[in-house]
């Protein structure tokens, strides 16, 4: 997972090359950032593969 402030295409491509499972451009507004993290965690939990 890549958490960054950059939305540059070259950075997205680099993350893909490094096999990042997700690329999230975080907001500079704290409340919005918390909402982004909450949404990501819900997504991750719904789509994760159990190791048990």
PDB file of N, CA and C in Angstrom:
ATOM      1  N   UNK A   1       0.840  -1.163   0.000  1.00  0.00           N
ATOM      2  CA  UNK A   1       0.000   0.000   0.000  1.00  0.00           C
ATOM      3  C   UNK A   1       0.886   1.228   0.000  1.00  0.00           C
ATOM      4  N   UNK A   2       0.549   2.174  -0.863  1.00  0.00           N
ATOM      5  CA  UNK A   2       1.291   3.422  -0.966  1.00  0.00           C
ATOM      6  C   UNK A   2       0.389   4.549  -0.490  1.00  0.00           C
ATOM      7  N   UNK A   3       0.814   5.239   0.546  1.00  0.00           N
ATOM      8  CA  UNK A   3       0.102   6.405   1.080  1.00  0.00           C
ATOM      9  C   UNK A   3       0.991   7.600   0.825  1.00  0.00           C
ATOM     10  N   UNK A   4       0.490   8.578   0.073  1.00  0.00           N
ATOM     11  CA  UNK A   4       1.340   9.659  -0.398  1.00  0.00           C
ATOM     12  C   UNK A   4       0.553  10.943  -0.593  1.00  0.00           C
ATOM     13  N   UNK A   5       1.268  12.025  -0.834  1.00  0.00           N
ATOM     14  CA  UNK A   5       0.631  13.296  -1.187  1.00  0.00           C
ATOM     15  C   UNK A   5       0.742  13.545  -2.684  1.00  0.00           C
ATOM     16  N   UNK A   6       1.366  12.627  -3.406  1.00  0.00           N
ATOM     17  CA  UNK A   6       1.624  12.814  -4.833  1.00  0.00           C
ATOM     18  C   UNK A   6       0.582  12.102  -5.695  1.00  0.00           C
ATOM     19  N   UNK A   7       0.086  12.835  -6.673  1.00  0.00           N
ATOM     20  CA  UNK A   7      -0.796  12.211  -7.661  1.00  0.00           C
ATOM     21  C   UNK A   7      -0.124  12.183  -9.038  1.00  0.00           C
ATOM     22  N   UNK A   8       1.195  12.387  -9.059  1.00  0.00           N
ATOM     23  CA  UNK A   8       1.946  12.374 -10.315  1.00  0.00           C
ATOM     24  C   UNK A   8       1.898  10.983 -10.941  1.00  0.00           C
ATOM     25  N   UNK A   9       1.651  10.933 -12.229  1.00  0.00           N
ATOM     26  CA  UNK A   9       1.549   9.654 -12.929  1.00  0.00           C
ATOM     27  C   UNK A   9       2.818   8.831 -12.783  1.00  0.00           C
ATOM     28  N   UNK A  10       3.972   9.479 -12.782  1.00  0.00           N
ATOM     29  CA  UNK A  10       5.229   8.732 -12.647  1.00  0.00           C
ATOM     30  C   UNK A  10       5.309   8.029 -11.287  1.00  0.00           C
ATOM     31  N   UNK A  11       4.778   8.642 -10.243  1.00  0.00           N
ATOM     32  CA  UNK A  11       4.777   8.010  -8.919  1.00  0.00           C
ATOM     33  C   UNK A  11       3.802   6.839  -8.864  1.00  0.00           C
ATOM     34  N   UNK A  12       2.657   7.000  -9.499  1.00  0.00           N
ATOM     35  CA  UNK A  12       1.669   5.913  -9.559  1.00  0.00           C
ATOM     36  C   UNK A  12       2.250   4.729 -10.324  1.00  0.00           C
ATOM     37  N   UNK A  13       2.914   5.017 -11.434  1.00  0.00           N
ATOM     38  CA  UNK A  13       3.549   3.970 -12.230  1.00  0.00           C
ATOM     39  C   UNK A  13       4.633   3.261 -11.431  1.00  0.00           C
ATOM     40  N   UNK A  14       5.431   4.029 -10.680  1.00  0.00           N
ATOM     41  CA  UNK A  14       6.489   3.434  -9.857  1.00  0.00           C
ATOM     42  C   UNK A  14       5.897   2.523  -8.785  1.00  0.00           C
ATOM     43  N   UNK A  15       4.813   2.961  -8.153  1.00  0.00           N
ATOM     44  CA  UNK A  15       4.158   2.129  -7.131  1.00  0.00           C
ATOM     45  C   UNK A  15       3.646   0.839  -7.753  1.00  0.00           C
ATOM     46  N   UNK A  16       3.093   0.926  -8.949  1.00  0.00           N
ATOM     47  CA  UNK A  16       2.619  -0.261  -9.649  1.00  0.00           C
ATOM     48  C   UNK A  16       3.789  -1.194  -9.973  1.00  0.00           C
ATOM     49  N   UNK A  17       4.892  -0.630 -10.417  1.00  0.00           N
ATOM     50  CA  UNK A  17       6.092  -1.413 -10.720  1.00  0.00           C
ATOM     51  C   UNK A  17       6.586  -2.149  -9.480  1.00  0.00           C
ATOM     52  N   UNK A  18       6.443  -1.506  -8.315  1.00  0.00           N
ATOM     53  CA  UNK A  18       6.880  -2.113  -7.056  1.00  0.00           C
ATOM     54  C   UNK A  18       5.803  -3.013  -6.444  1.00  0.00           C
ATOM     55  N   UNK A  19       4.696  -3.217  -7.179  1.00  0.00           N
ATOM     56  CA  UNK A  19       3.603  -4.102  -6.786  1.00  0.00           C
ATOM     57  C   UNK A  19       2.847  -3.615  -5.549  1.00  0.00           C
ATOM     58  N   UNK A  20       2.692  -2.303  -5.423  1.00  0.00           N
ATOM     59  CA  UNK A  20       1.857  -1.768  -4.340  1.00  0.00           C
ATOM     60  C   UNK A  20       0.437  -2.261  -4.561  1.00  0.00           C
ATOM     61  N   UNK A  21      -0.201  -2.727  -3.515  1.00  0.00           N
ATOM     62  CA  UNK A  21      -1.555  -3.254  -3.645  1.00  0.00           C
ATOM     63  C   UNK A  21      -2.584  -2.133  -3.762  1.00  0.00           C
ATOM     64  N   UNK A  22      -2.233  -0.954  -3.273  1.00  0.00           N
ATOM     65  CA  UNK A  22      -3.134   0.199  -3.314  1.00  0.00           C
ATOM     66  C   UNK A  22      -2.309   1.470  -3.389  1.00  0.00           C
ATOM     67  N   UNK A  23      -2.903   2.524  -3.923  1.00  0.00           N
ATOM     68  CA  UNK A  23      -2.251   3.834  -4.010  1.00  0.00           C
ATOM     69  C   UNK A  23      -3.259   4.859  -3.541  1.00  0.00           C
ATOM     70  N   UNK A  24      -3.006   5.473  -2.418  1.00  0.00           N
ATOM     71  CA  UNK A  24      -3.937   6.427  -1.831  1.00  0.00           C
ATOM     72  C   UNK A  24      -3.267   7.786  -1.704  1.00  0.00           C
ATOM     73  N   UNK A  25      -3.829   8.785  -2.387  1.00  0.00           N
ATOM     74  CA  UNK A  25      -3.341  10.157  -2.272  1.00  0.00           C
ATOM     75  C   UNK A  25      -4.092  10.785  -1.113  1.00  0.00           C
ATOM     76  N   UNK A  26      -3.348  11.074  -0.043  1.00  0.00           N
ATOM     77  CA  UNK A  26      -3.994  11.569   1.167  1.00  0.00           C
ATOM     78  C   UNK A  26      -4.267  13.065   1.070  1.00  0.00           C
ATOM     79  N   UNK A  27      -5.334  13.454   1.709  1.00  0.00           N
ATOM     80  CA  UNK A  27      -5.743  14.845   1.759  1.00  0.00           C
ATOM     81  C   UNK A  27      -4.910  15.599   2.791  1.00  0.00           C
ATOM     82  N   UNK A  28      -4.697  16.883   2.559  1.00  0.00           N
ATOM     83  CA  UNK A  28      -4.000  17.709   3.547  1.00  0.00           C
ATOM     84  C   UNK A  28      -4.946  18.175   4.645  1.00  0.00           C
ATOM     85  N   UNK A  29      -6.255  18.030   4.412  1.00  0.00           N
ATOM     86  CA  UNK A  29      -7.248  18.369   5.442  1.00  0.00           C
ATOM     87  C   UNK A  29      -7.389  17.169   6.372  1.00  0.00           C
ATOM     88  N   UNK A  30      -7.139  17.371   7.654  1.00  0.00           N
ATOM     89  CA  UNK A  30      -7.071  16.257   8.598  1.00  0.00           C
ATOM     90  C   UNK A  30      -8.357  15.437   8.647  1.00  0.00           C
ATOM     91  N   UNK A  31      -9.504  16.088   8.720  1.00  0.00           N
ATOM     92  CA  UNK A  31     -10.777  15.365   8.808  1.00  0.00           C
ATOM     93  C   UNK A  31     -10.999  14.531   7.543  1.00  0.00           C
ATOM     94  N   UNK A  32     -10.699  15.084   6.405  1.00  0.00           N
ATOM     95  CA  UNK A  32     -10.839  14.350   5.151  1.00  0.00           C
ATOM     96  C   UNK A  32      -9.863  13.179   5.106  1.00  0.00           C
ATOM     97  N   UNK A  33      -8.644  13.394   5.589  1.00  0.00           N
ATOM     98  CA  UNK A  33      -7.659  12.317   5.661  1.00  0.00           C
ATOM     99  C   UNK A  33      -8.177  11.170   6.523  1.00  0.00           C
ATOM    100  N   UNK A  34      -8.758  11.485   7.675  1.00  0.00           N
ATOM    101  CA  UNK A  34      -9.314  10.435   8.541  1.00  0.00           C
ATOM    102  C   UNK A  34     -10.430   9.673   7.839  1.00  0.00           C
ATOM    103  N   UNK A  35     -11.255  10.377   7.081  1.00  0.00           N
ATOM    104  CA  UNK A  35     -12.321   9.724   6.315  1.00  0.00           C
ATOM    105  C   UNK A  35     -11.721   8.797   5.261  1.00  0.00           C
ATOM    106  N   UNK A  36     -10.642   9.233   4.611  1.00  0.00           N
ATOM    107  CA  UNK A  36      -9.978   8.400   3.616  1.00  0.00           C
ATOM    108  C   UNK A  36      -9.435   7.122   4.252  1.00  0.00           C
ATOM    109  N   UNK A  37      -8.800   7.260   5.399  1.00  0.00           N
ATOM    110  CA  UNK A  37      -8.238   6.100   6.090  1.00  0.00           C
ATOM    111  C   UNK A  37      -9.356   5.142   6.496  1.00  0.00           C
ATOM    112  N   UNK A  38     -10.441   5.678   7.020  1.00  0.00           N
ATOM    113  CA  UNK A  38     -11.571   4.834   7.418  1.00  0.00           C
ATOM    114  C   UNK A  38     -12.125   4.068   6.215  1.00  0.00           C
ATOM    115  N   UNK A  39     -12.294   4.750   5.104  1.00  0.00           N
ATOM    116  CA  UNK A  39     -12.794   4.105   3.896  1.00  0.00           C
ATOM    117  C   UNK A  39     -11.826   3.028   3.418  1.00  0.00           C
ATOM    118  N   UNK A  40     -10.529   3.331   3.445  1.00  0.00           N
ATOM    119  CA  UNK A  40      -9.534   2.348   3.035  1.00  0.00           C
ATOM    120  C   UNK A  40      -9.571   1.118   3.936  1.00  0.00           C
ATOM    121  N   UNK A  41      -9.670   1.323   5.241  1.00  0.00           N
ATOM    122  CA  UNK A  41      -9.707   0.186   6.168  1.00  0.00           C
ATOM    123  C   UNK A  41     -10.934  -0.689   5.925  1.00  0.00           C
ATOM    124  N   UNK A  42     -12.064  -0.075   5.656  1.00  0.00           N
ATOM    125  CA  UNK A  42     -13.270  -0.850   5.342  1.00  0.00           C
ATOM    126  C   UNK A  42     -13.065  -1.655   4.063  1.00  0.00           C
ATOM    127  N   UNK A  43     -12.468  -1.019   3.050  1.00  0.00           N
ATOM    128  CA  UNK A  43     -12.184  -1.708   1.794  1.00  0.00           C
ATOM    129  C   UNK A  43     -11.232  -2.872   2.039  1.00  0.00           C
ATOM    130  N   UNK A  44     -10.156  -2.619   2.781  1.00  0.00           N
ATOM    131  CA  UNK A  44      -9.138  -3.641   3.045  1.00  0.00           C
ATOM    132  C   UNK A  44      -9.739  -4.835   3.775  1.00  0.00           C
ATOM    133  N   UNK A  45     -10.572  -4.555   4.784  1.00  0.00           N
ATOM    134  CA  UNK A  45     -11.200  -5.632   5.553  1.00  0.00           C
ATOM    135  C   UNK A  45     -12.154  -6.443   4.687  1.00  0.00           C
ATOM    136  N   UNK A  46     -12.868  -5.787   3.804  1.00  0.00           N
ATOM    137  CA  UNK A  46     -13.841  -6.485   2.961  1.00  0.00           C
ATOM    138  C   UNK A  46     -13.155  -7.315   1.872  1.00  0.00           C
ATOM    139  N   UNK A  47     -11.944  -6.944   1.504  1.00  0.00           N
ATOM    140  CA  UNK A  47     -11.275  -7.599   0.388  1.00  0.00           C
ATOM    141  C   UNK A  47     -10.023  -8.376   0.767  1.00  0.00           C
ATOM    142  N   UNK A  48      -9.737  -8.475   2.031  1.00  0.00           N
ATOM    143  CA  UNK A  48      -8.534  -9.207   2.440  1.00  0.00           C
ATOM    144  C   UNK A  48      -8.782 -10.701   2.429  1.00  0.00           C
ATOM    145  N   UNK A  49      -7.721 -11.436   2.224  1.00  0.00           N
ATOM    146  CA  UNK A  49      -7.779 -12.901   2.220  1.00  0.00           C
ATOM    147  C   UNK A  49      -7.311 -13.387   3.586  1.00  0.00           C
ATOM    148  N   UNK A  50      -8.089 -14.204   4.200  1.00  0.00           N
ATOM    149  CA  UNK A  50      -7.753 -14.730   5.520  1.00  0.00           C
ATOM    150  C   UNK A  50      -6.616 -15.740   5.410  1.00  0.00           C
ATOM    151  N   UNK A  51      -5.679 -15.672   6.357  1.00  0.00           N
ATOM    152  CA  UNK A  51      -4.571 -16.627   6.404  1.00  0.00           C
ATOM    153  C   UNK A  51      -4.851 -17.804   7.308  1.00  0.00           C
ATOM    154  N   UNK A  52      -6.046 -17.877   7.885  1.00  0.00           N
ATOM    155  CA  UNK A  52      -6.338 -18.957   8.819  1.00  0.00           C
ATOM    156  C   UNK A  52      -6.955 -20.167   8.160  1.00  0.00           C
TER     157      UNK A  52
END
